[in-house]
Protein backbone atom coordinates (compact mmCIF):
# COMPACT_ATOMS: atom_id res chain seq x y z
CA THR A 1 23.07 -45.54 65.06
CA GLY A 2 22.06 -47.74 62.17
CA ALA A 3 20.33 -47.62 58.83
CA PRO A 4 17.00 -45.81 58.70
CA VAL A 5 13.90 -47.87 59.41
CA VAL A 6 11.87 -48.75 56.32
CA VAL A 7 8.06 -48.93 56.52
CA ASN A 8 5.98 -50.27 53.61
CA MET A 9 2.48 -51.61 53.17
CA ALA A 10 2.62 -55.39 53.56
CA ALA A 11 1.16 -58.07 51.36
CA PRO A 12 -1.64 -59.89 53.14
CA PRO A 13 -0.63 -62.95 55.12
CA SER A 14 -1.48 -66.23 53.40
CA HIS A 15 -4.55 -66.91 55.58
CA LEU A 16 -5.98 -63.50 54.64
CA ALA A 17 -5.19 -64.02 50.97
CA ALA A 18 -7.10 -67.31 51.06
CA SER A 19 -10.00 -65.60 52.84
CA LEU A 20 -9.97 -62.89 50.19
CA LEU A 21 -10.31 -65.48 47.42
CA LEU A 22 -13.15 -67.24 49.23
CA ALA A 23 -14.93 -63.99 50.04
CA SER A 24 -14.69 -62.81 46.44
CA GLY A 25 -16.58 -65.86 45.26
CA ALA A 26 -13.68 -67.92 43.91
CA GLY A 27 -14.36 -71.62 44.17
CA GLY A 28 -18.12 -71.23 44.42
CA GLY A 29 -18.26 -68.89 47.44
CA GLY A 30 -21.09 -66.52 47.50
CA LEU A 31 -23.82 -65.42 49.81
CA GLY A 32 -22.85 -63.16 52.67
CA SER A 33 -19.31 -62.83 51.44
CA SER A 34 -19.24 -59.03 51.04
CA ALA A 35 -18.78 -58.47 54.79
CA ALA A 36 -15.93 -60.98 54.85
CA LEU A 37 -14.35 -59.34 51.82
CA LEU A 38 -14.51 -55.90 53.46
CA ALA A 39 -12.96 -57.26 56.67
CA VAL A 40 -10.10 -58.86 54.76
CA GLN A 41 -9.48 -55.72 52.72
CA GLN A 42 -9.41 -53.55 55.86
CA ALA A 43 -6.94 -55.92 57.54
CA GLN A 44 -4.75 -55.77 54.44
CA ARG A 45 -4.75 -51.95 54.45
CA SER A 46 -3.91 -51.97 58.18
CA ARG A 47 -0.72 -54.05 57.85
CA VAL A 48 2.81 -52.73 57.34
CA TRP A 49 6.25 -54.27 56.98
CA VAL A 50 9.03 -52.65 59.00
CA GLY A 51 12.64 -53.32 58.04
CA ASN A 52 16.17 -52.38 59.11
CA ILE A 53 15.36 -52.91 62.80
CA MET A 54 18.55 -53.01 64.83
CA TYR A 55 19.11 -56.36 66.58
CA GLU A 56 19.35 -54.66 69.99
CA VAL A 57 15.80 -53.34 69.69
CA THR A 58 13.11 -55.53 71.28
CA GLU A 59 9.62 -56.32 70.04
CA ALA A 60 8.19 -54.36 73.00
CA GLN A 61 10.24 -51.29 72.03
CA VAL A 62 9.06 -51.44 68.41
CA ARG A 63 5.44 -51.85 69.50
CA GLN A 64 5.68 -48.95 71.96
CA ALA A 65 7.29 -46.65 69.37
CA PHE A 66 4.66 -47.37 66.71
CA GLU A 67 1.71 -47.19 69.12
CA SER A 68 2.86 -43.87 70.54
CA MET A 69 3.40 -42.31 67.10
CA CYS A 70 0.76 -43.99 64.92
CA GLY A 71 -2.04 -45.63 66.90
CA PRO A 72 -3.10 -48.91 68.50
CA VAL A 73 -1.48 -52.11 67.27
CA ARG A 74 -3.75 -55.13 66.85
CA LYS A 75 -1.00 -57.67 66.15
CA MET A 76 2.74 -57.76 65.66
CA ASP A 77 4.84 -60.54 64.12
CA MET A 78 8.60 -60.40 64.69
CA SER A 79 10.02 -63.81 63.82
CA LEU A 80 13.22 -65.14 65.36
CA ASP A 81 16.15 -66.76 63.61
CA PRO A 82 16.38 -70.26 65.14
CA ALA A 83 20.16 -70.36 64.69
CA THR A 84 20.90 -67.11 66.54
CA GLY A 85 17.78 -66.56 68.66
CA ARG A 86 17.67 -62.94 67.45
CA HIS A 87 14.90 -61.34 65.44
CA ARG A 88 15.59 -61.11 61.73
CA GLY A 89 15.66 -57.31 61.52
CA TYR A 90 12.09 -56.89 60.33
CA CYS A 91 8.52 -57.33 61.51
CA PHE A 92 4.92 -57.05 60.38
CA ILE A 93 2.57 -54.77 62.29
CA GLU A 94 -1.21 -54.85 61.93
CA PHE A 95 -2.87 -51.71 63.25
CA VAL A 96 -6.46 -51.38 64.44
CA SER A 97 -7.16 -48.95 61.59
CA PRO A 98 -5.85 -48.36 58.06
CA GLU A 99 -5.27 -44.72 59.02
CA SER A 100 -2.72 -45.80 61.62
CA ALA A 101 -0.88 -47.91 59.02
CA GLN A 102 -0.81 -44.92 56.70
CA ALA A 103 0.49 -42.72 59.55
CA ALA A 104 3.25 -45.29 60.16
CA GLN A 105 4.33 -45.12 56.54
CA ILE A 106 4.53 -41.34 56.70
CA SER A 107 5.86 -40.62 60.18
CA MET A 108 8.14 -43.61 60.86
CA GLN A 109 9.92 -43.76 57.50
CA GLY A 110 13.65 -43.33 57.96
């Protein structure tokens, strides 16, 4: 047993944050940007940060647990520590829908 898993809404990744600025019209953007803005906002609401993952748990196990309890996962980022080769104890999960991300926050907390 280990510490309870922590699930929080994640800040948008840097490429989405840049897209959000461009879509909102910053820097002279403009026409046709509302669809891009909506897509970026939905991706942001669909992304969660998961912490306190035990080192013995694999990326496939985390994905399977969240998909079975919360819904389809679009993308998962679990970075490795280059010195140890192990994951760092956290990951980012982007779900297909914001509702799945919200379900993850509620059902997978602790």
